[in-house]
Amino acid sequence: MQSAYLYRIVKRCAKVAGLPEGTTTHSLRHACATEMLKGGASVRHIQEMLGHADITTTQVYTHLAKADLQAVHARTAPSERRKDKDAPAFGLTNWRPRKRKKARRKRRRKPREN
């Protein structure tokens, strides 16, 4: 199948599906890879699927929305997991830094005169 023919098929199907006008084969490929990453697929597997020789090419697909990062944080951060377990909050309410002892200066002894 030639790429121009595939491009026309995607354009026609995108229009029927109500997708944005700028939908292309590349944008669908990019969206698929991004959704797979969000779903938990490893970058290495996506690299193989897309046929990239270099992992840095695949890492372009690893851009994540702020909401995705917040969701991962909420799911994995110890402070957030603690909320589910009714564990006491970690707090240092009575904690104060120790007072530093003043460094003692060593007195210089005068050299003995003979």
C-alpha atoms as a PDB file:
ATOM      1  CA  MET A   1       0.000   0.000   0.000  1.00  0.00           C
ATOM      2  CA  GLN A   2       1.379   3.388  -0.919  1.00  0.00           C
ATOM      3  CA  SER A   3       1.606   6.086   1.731  1.00  0.00           C
ATOM      4  CA  ALA A   4      -0.463   8.577  -0.309  1.00  0.00           C
ATOM      5  CA  TYR A   5      -3.317   6.065  -0.529  1.00  0.00           C
ATOM      6  CA  LEU A   6      -3.170   5.397   3.223  1.00  0.00           C
ATOM      7  CA  TYR A   7      -3.117   9.149   3.869  1.00  0.00           C
ATOM      8  CA  ARG A   8      -6.352   9.597   1.863  1.00  0.00           C
ATOM      9  CA  ILE A   9      -8.031   6.724   3.735  1.00  0.00           C
ATOM     10  CA  VAL A  10      -7.097   8.237   7.104  1.00  0.00           C
ATOM     11  CA  LYS A  11      -8.298  11.696   6.021  1.00  0.00           C
ATOM     12  CA  ARG A  12     -11.649  10.298   4.859  1.00  0.00           C
ATOM     13  CA  CYS A  13     -12.158   8.173   8.011  1.00  0.00           C
ATOM     14  CA  ALA A  14     -11.127  11.054  10.293  1.00  0.00           C
ATOM     15  CA  LYS A  15     -13.727  13.286   8.668  1.00  0.00           C
ATOM     16  CA  VAL A  16     -16.438  10.646   9.072  1.00  0.00           C
ATOM     17  CA  ALA A  17     -15.426  10.062  12.714  1.00  0.00           C
ATOM     18  CA  GLY A  18     -15.565  13.797  13.459  1.00  0.00           C
ATOM     19  CA  LEU A  19     -11.872  14.106  14.294  1.00  0.00           C
ATOM     20  CA  PRO A  20     -10.127  17.481  13.864  1.00  0.00           C
ATOM     21  CA  GLU A  21      -9.281  18.497  10.316  1.00  0.00           C
ATOM     22  CA  GLY A  22      -5.529  18.271  10.903  1.00  0.00           C
ATOM     23  CA  THR A  23      -5.645  14.545  11.716  1.00  0.00           C
ATOM     24  CA  THR A  24      -2.927  12.689   9.835  1.00  0.00           C
ATOM     25  CA  THR A  25      -1.377   9.239   9.885  1.00  0.00           C
ATOM     26  CA  HIS A  26       1.490  10.664  11.916  1.00  0.00           C
ATOM     27  CA  SER A  27      -0.828  12.285  14.487  1.00  0.00           C
ATOM     28  CA  LEU A  28      -2.662   8.972  14.940  1.00  0.00           C
ATOM     29  CA  ARG A  29       0.664   7.157  15.374  1.00  0.00           C
ATOM     30  CA  HIS A  30       1.752   9.760  17.921  1.00  0.00           C
ATOM     31  CA  ALA A  31      -1.560   9.587  19.806  1.00  0.00           C
ATOM     32  CA  CYS A  32      -1.432   5.787  19.902  1.00  0.00           C
ATOM     33  CA  ALA A  33       2.126   5.764  21.306  1.00  0.00           C
ATOM     34  CA  THR A  34       1.241   8.414  23.899  1.00  0.00           C
ATOM     35  CA  GLU A  35      -1.843   6.505  25.056  1.00  0.00           C
ATOM     36  CA  MET A  36       0.174   3.295  25.308  1.00  0.00           C
ATOM     37  CA  LEU A  37       2.694   5.083  27.526  1.00  0.00           C
ATOM     38  CA  LYS A  38      -0.103   6.437  29.694  1.00  0.00           C
ATOM     39  CA  GLY A  39      -1.447   2.898  29.934  1.00  0.00           C
ATOM     40  CA  GLY A  40       1.850   1.619  31.282  1.00  0.00           C
ATOM     41  CA  ALA A  41       3.730   0.343  28.225  1.00  0.00           C
ATOM     42  CA  SER A  42       7.490   0.741  28.437  1.00  0.00           C
ATOM     43  CA  VAL A  43       9.331   3.121  26.153  1.00  0.00           C
ATOM     44  CA  ARG A  44      11.418   0.201  24.913  1.00  0.00           C
ATOM     45  CA  HIS A  45       8.330  -1.710  23.703  1.00  0.00           C
ATOM     46  CA  ILE A  46       6.965   1.352  21.966  1.00  0.00           C
ATOM     47  CA  GLN A  47      10.353   1.903  20.327  1.00  0.00           C
ATOM     48  CA  GLU A  48      10.174  -1.596  18.853  1.00  0.00           C
ATOM     49  CA  MET A  49       6.573  -1.151  17.723  1.00  0.00           C
ATOM     50  CA  LEU A  50       7.327   2.147  15.971  1.00  0.00           C
ATOM     51  CA  GLY A  51      10.539   0.844  14.447  1.00  0.00           C
ATOM     52  CA  HIS A  52      12.792   3.537  15.879  1.00  0.00           C
ATOM     53  CA  ALA A  53      16.500   2.733  15.849  1.00  0.00           C
ATOM     54  CA  ASP A  54      17.322   5.192  18.637  1.00  0.00           C
ATOM     55  CA  ILE A  55      15.510   5.427  21.976  1.00  0.00           C
ATOM     56  CA  THR A  56      15.799   9.232  21.971  1.00  0.00           C
ATOM     57  CA  THR A  57      13.483   9.332  18.957  1.00  0.00           C
ATOM     58  CA  THR A  58      10.858   7.445  20.952  1.00  0.00           C
ATOM     59  CA  GLN A  59      11.272   9.671  23.988  1.00  0.00           C
ATOM     60  CA  VAL A  60       9.513  12.445  22.060  1.00  0.00           C
ATOM     61  CA  TYR A  61       6.331  10.500  22.817  1.00  0.00           C
ATOM     62  CA  THR A  62       6.951  10.627  26.550  1.00  0.00           C
ATOM     63  CA  HIS A  63       5.617  14.146  26.980  1.00  0.00           C
ATOM     64  CA  LEU A  64       2.984  13.886  29.677  1.00  0.00           C
ATOM     65  CA  ALA A  65       0.324  16.321  30.652  1.00  0.00           C
ATOM     66  CA  LYS A  66       0.497  17.928  34.078  1.00  0.00           C
ATOM     67  CA  ALA A  67      -2.705  16.166  35.087  1.00  0.00           C
ATOM     68  CA  ASP A  68      -1.104  12.805  34.283  1.00  0.00           C
ATOM     69  CA  LEU A  69       1.887  13.618  36.464  1.00  0.00           C
ATOM     70  CA  GLN A  70      -0.398  14.698  39.301  1.00  0.00           C
ATOM     71  CA  ALA A  71      -2.362  11.464  39.011  1.00  0.00           C
ATOM     72  CA  VAL A  72       0.824   9.393  39.170  1.00  0.00           C
ATOM     73  CA  HIS A  73       1.988  11.408  42.163  1.00  0.00           C
ATOM     74  CA  ALA A  74      -1.331  10.904  43.930  1.00  0.00           C
ATOM     75  CA  ARG A  75      -1.112   7.161  43.301  1.00  0.00           C
ATOM     76  CA  THR A  76       2.527   6.636  44.272  1.00  0.00           C
ATOM     77  CA  ALA A  77       3.709   9.321  46.705  1.00  0.00           C
ATOM     78  CA  PRO A  78       4.081   8.110  50.307  1.00  0.00           C
ATOM     79  CA  SER A  79       2.195  11.112  51.661  1.00  0.00           C
ATOM     80  CA  GLU A  80      -0.767  10.313  49.429  1.00  0.00           C
ATOM     81  CA  ARG A  81      -0.730   6.560  50.130  1.00  0.00           C
ATOM     82  CA  ARG A  82      -0.703   7.311  53.852  1.00  0.00           C
ATOM     83  CA  LYS A  83      -4.130   8.937  53.513  1.00  0.00           C
ATOM     84  CA  ASP A  84      -5.651   5.622  52.414  1.00  0.00           C
ATOM     85  CA  LYS A  85      -4.304   3.760  55.433  1.00  0.00           C
ATOM     86  CA  ASP A  86      -5.400   6.165  58.169  1.00  0.00           C
ATOM     87  CA  ALA A  87      -1.814   6.425  59.256  1.00  0.00           C
ATOM     88  CA  PRO A  88      -0.889   9.357  61.456  1.00  0.00           C
ATOM     89  CA  ALA A  89       0.364  12.348  59.596  1.00  0.00           C
ATOM     90  CA  PHE A  90       4.076  12.863  59.683  1.00  0.00           C
ATOM     91  CA  GLY A  91       4.723  16.064  61.479  1.00  0.00           C
ATOM     92  CA  LEU A  92       7.416  17.541  63.611  1.00  0.00           C
ATOM     93  CA  THR A  93       5.354  19.917  65.697  1.00  0.00           C
ATOM     94  CA  ASN A  94       7.664  19.955  68.711  1.00  0.00           C
ATOM     95  CA  TRP A  95      10.863  19.736  66.770  1.00  0.00           C
ATOM     96  CA  ARG A  96      13.407  22.520  66.992  1.00  0.00           C
ATOM     97  CA  PRO A  97      16.919  22.560  65.685  1.00  0.00           C
ATOM     98  CA  ARG A  98      19.600  21.913  68.247  1.00  0.00           C
ATOM     99  CA  LYS A  99      21.475  24.886  69.460  1.00  0.00           C
ATOM    100  CA  ARG A 100      24.992  24.801  68.212  1.00  0.00           C
ATOM    101  CA  LYS A 101      27.717  24.960  70.721  1.00  0.00           C
ATOM    102  CA  LYS A 102      30.039  27.809  70.202  1.00  0.00           C
ATOM    103  CA  ALA A 103      33.332  26.653  68.874  1.00  0.00           C
ATOM    104  CA  ARG A 104      36.037  27.155  71.399  1.00  0.00           C
ATOM    105  CA  ARG A 105      39.049  28.976  70.207  1.00  0.00           C
ATOM    106  CA  LYS A 106      42.280  27.407  71.094  1.00  0.00           C
ATOM    107  CA  ARG A 107      44.497  29.821  72.865  1.00  0.00           C
ATOM    108  CA  ARG A 108      47.795  30.341  71.281  1.00  0.00           C
ATOM    109  CA  ARG A 109      50.552  29.768  73.657  1.00  0.00           C
ATOM    110  CA  LYS A 110      53.373  32.133  73.570  1.00  0.00           C
ATOM    111  CA  PRO A 111      56.595  30.439  72.634  1.00  0.00           C
ATOM    112  CA  ARG A 112      58.926  29.958  75.552  1.00  0.00           C
ATOM    113  CA  GLU A 113      61.883  32.184  75.660  1.00  0.00           C
ATOM    114  CA  ASN A 114      65.123  30.546  76.800  1.00  0.00           C
END
